[in-house]
Amino acid sequence: GFSFRPVQNLFELEQALRLVNESYARRGIGTVCRAGMRFSPFHLLPGTTTFVALKDGRVVGTVSLIEDSALGLPLEDVHINEAVLQRLGGVRVAEVGTLAVCSRYKGKGVPLMLYNAMFRWAIDHRKVSTLVIAVHPRAASFYRNVLFFSPIGPVQAYTKLNNALSLPLAVNLARARDVFAKAYSAPGLKFTVDQTCTDLFDFFCSRHYPHIQLPAAQARWSADDVLTHMARCGTSPHHLSPRVRRALQLD
C-alpha cells in the first residue's frame, strides 16, 4: 500500500518538510515552529529532489537528494573542509539529507525503500558520482556496514541542530554496484521485499519495484512557488542574501 517517488507539487513538499520538523523535534534536535516547517533554500533549488513515501495519499516518509550548487551543501555548516575536498576531486557531489518517517510506520522498511528510490535517481538520472551525508555517530554503523559509506572527517557539533554530534560520510556511487555485488552475493544475506526473496545488490541495483516511481525529470519551482512557500513558513524574501535570491531565481 506504499508508493515512493519525488514530490510532484508544493503541497507534497510542504507535507514532507512538516514531517521533518516533527521528527527533529521528537528526536530533540529541533523545535516545532509556528508554521510547522522551516524555510530552507536547499529544498527549492533546481538540483534538489525530495522523495516521499505515500500511504493512502499522505506523506509518511521523506528524504532529499541535494546536489552541489552555488549555495554549496547543507553539511558545510559544520564540515566545510570535507565538502571542499570532495568538490576539488572534480566529481559530481550530492548530499543525502532530511530523512524522516512518521512514527506510526517505523519498522516497516520505509527508509530503505526511500533510499532505493534516491540511489537509483542519483545514479541513473542525475549521474551523481559521490554521495555525502552527515549523521549522528550512533547511526553511522548502518551507513558504514550496510551501504559502505566511509568517514571523511571528524565528529563535530551541529550548531543548528541543538549541537547534535555529526559525522561526515561519503560513498563512491561509481563503484557502488560492484561493491554491492561482491558483498551481498552470499546466499545467507537475503531478505524479503513484496514477498520476493532478494539481496541488497538485487534490491538497489537490479530489481525494479512498481511502487517506486521515478519520472524523467524532477519538479521545478517557479518564483511564485518559492514566494508562496516562504510566506507559509513565515519568512520574507527581504531576509535572503543576494546569493540565495539568485540561486532561487528571484532576481
Protein backbone atom coordinates (compact mmCIF):
# COMPACT_ATOMS: atom_id res chain seq x y z
CA GLY A 1 0.00 0.00 0.00
CA PHE A 2 3.02 2.34 -0.07
CA SER A 3 4.40 4.23 -3.05
CA PHE A 4 7.73 6.05 -3.31
CA ARG A 5 8.57 8.89 -5.69
CA PRO A 6 9.78 12.50 -5.92
CA VAL A 7 7.33 15.19 -4.82
CA GLN A 8 5.11 16.47 -7.61
CA ASN A 9 3.83 19.72 -6.17
CA LEU A 10 4.34 22.27 -3.41
CA PHE A 11 1.68 20.67 -1.21
CA GLU A 12 3.61 17.38 -1.09
CA LEU A 13 6.91 19.17 -0.46
CA GLU A 14 5.39 21.02 2.48
CA GLN A 15 3.92 17.81 3.90
CA ALA A 16 7.43 16.35 3.77
CA LEU A 17 9.00 19.39 5.46
CA ARG A 18 6.40 19.35 8.24
CA LEU A 19 7.19 15.68 8.82
CA VAL A 20 10.91 16.55 9.05
CA ASN A 21 10.19 19.31 11.57
CA GLU A 22 8.08 16.96 13.71
CA SER A 23 10.72 14.22 13.52
CA TYR A 24 13.56 16.56 14.51
CA ALA A 25 11.54 17.89 17.45
CA ARG A 26 10.76 14.34 18.59
CA ARG A 27 14.48 13.49 18.48
CA GLY A 28 15.46 16.61 20.41
CA ILE A 29 17.44 18.20 17.59
CA GLY A 30 14.91 20.87 16.72
CA THR A 31 11.76 22.63 17.89
CA VAL A 32 8.33 22.72 16.30
CA CYS A 33 8.00 26.19 14.80
CA ARG A 34 4.74 28.11 14.47
CA ALA A 35 4.40 27.33 10.73
CA GLY A 36 5.15 23.65 11.32
CA MET A 37 8.10 23.77 8.90
CA ARG A 38 11.27 25.77 8.49
CA PHE A 39 12.32 27.52 5.31
CA SER A 40 15.45 26.09 3.70
CA PRO A 41 16.54 27.34 0.27
CA PHE A 42 18.18 23.99 -0.43
CA HIS A 43 14.82 22.27 -0.86
CA LEU A 44 13.79 24.69 -3.62
CA LEU A 45 16.93 24.54 -5.75
CA PRO A 46 16.72 23.10 -9.28
CA GLY A 47 19.21 20.35 -8.35
CA THR A 48 17.34 19.14 -5.26
CA THR A 49 14.95 16.19 -5.38
CA THR A 50 12.75 15.46 -2.37
CA PHE A 51 11.41 11.90 -2.23
CA VAL A 52 8.31 10.88 -0.34
CA ALA A 53 6.73 7.68 0.88
CA LEU A 54 2.96 7.87 0.37
CA LYS A 55 0.30 5.84 2.17
CA ASP A 56 -3.36 6.49 1.38
CA GLY A 57 -2.35 9.77 -0.29
CA ARG A 58 -0.49 11.02 2.80
CA VAL A 59 3.25 11.67 3.10
CA VAL A 60 4.58 9.28 5.76
CA GLY A 61 8.31 9.41 4.96
CA THR A 62 10.81 11.59 3.16
CA VAL A 63 14.46 12.00 2.20
CA SER A 64 16.16 14.55 -0.04
CA LEU A 65 19.00 14.45 -2.56
CA ILE A 66 20.65 17.88 -2.59
CA GLU A 67 23.13 18.34 -5.43
CA ASP A 68 26.09 20.68 -5.08
CA SER A 69 25.27 24.19 -6.26
CA ALA A 70 26.22 27.83 -5.89
CA LEU A 71 24.91 27.56 -2.31
CA GLY A 72 27.18 24.59 -1.58
CA LEU A 73 25.88 21.74 0.55
CA PRO A 74 23.99 21.85 3.88
CA LEU A 75 26.70 19.94 5.76
CA GLU A 76 29.15 22.77 5.04
CA ASP A 77 27.70 24.48 8.11
CA VAL A 78 29.94 22.19 10.16
CA HIS A 79 32.03 20.17 7.69
CA ILE A 80 33.25 22.80 5.26
CA ASN A 81 36.75 21.37 4.73
CA GLU A 82 35.36 17.93 3.95
CA ALA A 83 32.89 19.34 1.43
CA VAL A 84 35.58 21.41 -0.28
CA LEU A 85 37.86 18.37 -0.61
CA GLN A 86 35.07 16.33 -2.20
CA ARG A 87 34.36 19.17 -4.62
CA LEU A 88 38.03 19.56 -5.54
CA GLY A 89 38.06 15.93 -6.63
CA GLY A 90 36.22 17.01 -9.75
CA VAL A 91 33.28 14.68 -9.12
CA ARG A 92 29.54 15.34 -9.15
CA VAL A 93 28.65 15.55 -5.44
CA ALA A 94 25.25 15.41 -3.75
CA GLU A 95 24.18 15.25 -0.12
CA VAL A 96 21.56 12.97 1.41
CA GLY A 97 19.50 14.88 3.95
CA THR A 98 16.28 15.33 5.95
CA LEU A 99 15.36 11.68 6.39
CA ALA A 100 12.15 11.40 8.40
CA VAL A 101 9.47 8.75 8.85
CA CYS A 102 6.10 9.05 10.57
CA SER A 103 6.34 7.30 13.94
CA ARG A 104 3.34 5.11 13.05
CA TYR A 105 5.31 3.50 10.21
CA LYS A 106 8.68 2.98 11.84
CA GLY A 107 9.98 -0.56 11.42
CA LYS A 108 8.14 -1.04 8.12
CA GLY A 109 11.18 -0.66 5.87
CA VAL A 110 10.18 2.82 4.70
CA PRO A 111 13.70 4.36 4.94
CA LEU A 112 15.23 1.52 2.91
CA MET A 113 12.65 1.99 0.13
CA LEU A 114 13.25 5.76 0.15
CA TYR A 115 16.99 5.11 -0.15
CA ASN A 116 16.32 2.71 -3.02
CA ALA A 117 14.47 5.43 -4.94
CA MET A 118 17.12 8.02 -4.07
CA PHE A 119 20.07 5.77 -5.04
CA ARG A 120 18.55 4.89 -8.41
CA TRP A 121 17.70 8.51 -9.10
CA ALA A 122 21.20 9.70 -8.15
CA ILE A 123 22.99 7.10 -10.28
CA ASP A 124 20.75 6.67 -13.31
CA HIS A 125 19.02 10.04 -13.67
CA ARG A 126 21.40 12.61 -12.15
CA LYS A 127 24.77 10.92 -12.74
CA VAL A 128 25.97 11.72 -9.21
CA SER A 129 29.48 10.37 -8.54
CA THR A 130 29.73 10.82 -4.77
CA LEU A 131 27.09 10.89 -2.05
CA VAL A 132 27.86 12.61 1.24
CA ILE A 133 25.83 12.57 4.43
CA ALA A 134 26.17 13.92 7.99
CA VAL A 135 24.85 11.51 10.61
CA HIS A 136 24.95 11.08 14.36
CA PRO A 137 27.82 8.70 15.26
CA ARG A 138 25.26 6.28 16.74
CA ALA A 139 23.70 5.86 13.29
CA ALA A 140 26.99 5.53 11.43
CA SER A 141 27.23 1.74 11.63
CA PHE A 142 24.26 1.26 9.27
CA TYR A 143 25.74 3.57 6.65
CA ARG A 144 29.24 2.13 7.02
CA ASN A 145 28.45 -1.57 7.29
CA VAL A 146 25.38 -1.85 5.07
CA LEU A 147 25.68 0.94 2.48
CA PHE A 148 29.51 1.18 2.55
CA PHE A 149 29.86 4.87 3.32
CA SER A 150 33.27 5.87 4.72
CA PRO A 151 34.16 8.66 7.19
CA ILE A 152 35.67 11.74 5.55
CA GLY A 153 36.27 13.87 8.62
CA PRO A 154 35.98 14.14 12.42
CA VAL A 155 32.83 14.37 14.51
CA GLN A 156 31.62 17.95 15.03
CA ALA A 157 28.77 19.62 16.92
CA TYR A 158 25.95 20.67 14.57
CA THR A 159 25.01 24.08 16.00
CA LYS A 160 21.72 24.40 14.07
CA LEU A 161 20.55 21.03 15.41
CA ASN A 162 20.93 21.75 19.14
CA ASN A 163 24.64 20.82 18.98
CA ALA A 164 23.88 17.23 17.99
CA LEU A 165 27.00 15.30 17.08
CA SER A 166 27.63 14.98 13.33
CA LEU A 167 29.94 12.61 11.46
CA PRO A 168 30.54 13.24 7.72
CA LEU A 169 30.46 10.16 5.47
CA ALA A 170 30.78 9.58 1.73
CA VAL A 171 30.27 6.76 -0.75
CA ASN A 172 31.54 6.44 -4.33
CA LEU A 173 28.47 5.69 -6.44
CA ALA A 174 30.56 4.85 -9.48
CA ARG A 175 31.80 1.76 -7.63
CA ALA A 176 28.68 1.06 -5.57
CA ARG A 177 27.23 -1.60 -7.87
CA ASP A 178 30.49 -3.60 -7.91
CA VAL A 179 30.88 -3.31 -4.13
CA PHE A 180 27.30 -4.41 -3.51
CA ALA A 181 27.59 -7.33 -5.93
CA LYS A 182 30.73 -8.60 -4.20
CA ALA A 183 29.49 -8.07 -0.65
CA TYR A 184 25.96 -9.39 -0.98
CA SER A 185 26.34 -12.42 -3.24
CA ALA A 186 26.36 -14.81 -0.23
CA PRO A 187 23.09 -16.78 -0.01
CA GLY A 188 22.78 -16.14 3.74
CA LEU A 189 22.32 -12.38 3.20
CA LYS A 190 18.92 -12.49 1.55
CA PHE A 191 15.70 -10.88 2.77
CA THR A 192 12.14 -10.46 1.51
CA VAL A 193 10.51 -7.45 -0.13
CA ASP A 194 6.97 -7.72 -1.53
CA GLN A 195 7.01 -11.47 -0.86
CA THR A 196 10.08 -11.79 -3.12
CA CYS A 197 13.49 -13.00 -1.93
CA THR A 198 16.27 -10.53 -2.72
CA ASP A 199 19.65 -9.25 -1.55
CA LEU A 200 20.97 -5.69 -1.30
CA PHE A 201 22.67 -5.79 -4.70
CA ASP A 202 19.48 -7.02 -6.37
CA PHE A 203 17.42 -4.60 -4.27
CA PHE A 204 19.41 -1.44 -5.05
CA CYS A 205 20.89 -2.20 -8.46
CA SER A 206 18.84 -4.73 -10.36
CA ARG A 207 15.22 -5.48 -9.44
CA HIS A 208 12.55 -2.90 -10.20
CA TYR A 209 9.59 -2.36 -7.93
CA PRO A 210 6.30 -1.00 -9.32
CA HIS A 211 5.67 1.13 -6.22
CA ILE A 212 8.96 3.02 -6.78
CA GLN A 213 8.08 5.57 -9.45
CA LEU A 214 10.89 7.67 -10.93
CA PRO A 215 9.84 10.26 -13.55
CA ALA A 216 12.02 11.59 -16.35
CA ALA A 217 12.61 14.89 -14.52
CA GLN A 218 12.12 16.34 -11.05
CA ALA A 219 9.69 19.11 -10.12
CA ARG A 220 10.84 22.68 -10.77
CA TRP A 221 9.74 25.51 -8.53
CA SER A 222 8.71 28.83 -10.05
CA ALA A 223 9.35 32.17 -8.39
CA ASP A 224 5.68 32.20 -7.34
CA ASP A 225 6.10 28.76 -5.73
CA VAL A 226 9.15 30.00 -3.80
CA LEU A 227 7.39 33.14 -2.58
CA THR A 228 4.25 31.19 -1.62
CA HIS A 229 6.32 28.68 0.35
CA MET A 230 8.29 31.42 2.09
CA ALA A 231 5.06 33.12 3.15
CA ARG A 232 3.73 29.86 4.60
CA CYS A 233 6.99 29.44 6.52
CA GLY A 234 6.68 32.98 7.87
CA THR A 235 9.79 34.15 6.01
CA SER A 236 10.22 37.25 3.86
CA PRO A 237 12.33 37.30 0.67
CA HIS A 238 13.84 40.54 2.00
CA HIS A 239 15.69 38.42 4.59
CA LEU A 240 17.53 36.45 1.89
CA SER A 241 21.07 37.24 0.85
CA PRO A 242 21.68 38.22 -2.80
CA ARG A 243 23.39 34.86 -3.35
CA VAL A 244 20.35 32.92 -2.15
CA ARG A 245 17.98 35.13 -4.17
CA ARG A 246 19.99 34.43 -7.32
CA ALA A 247 20.06 30.71 -6.64
CA LEU A 248 16.28 30.66 -6.22
CA GLN A 249 15.88 32.78 -9.36
CA LEU A 250 14.09 35.56 -7.51
CA ASP A 251 16.18 38.35 -9.11
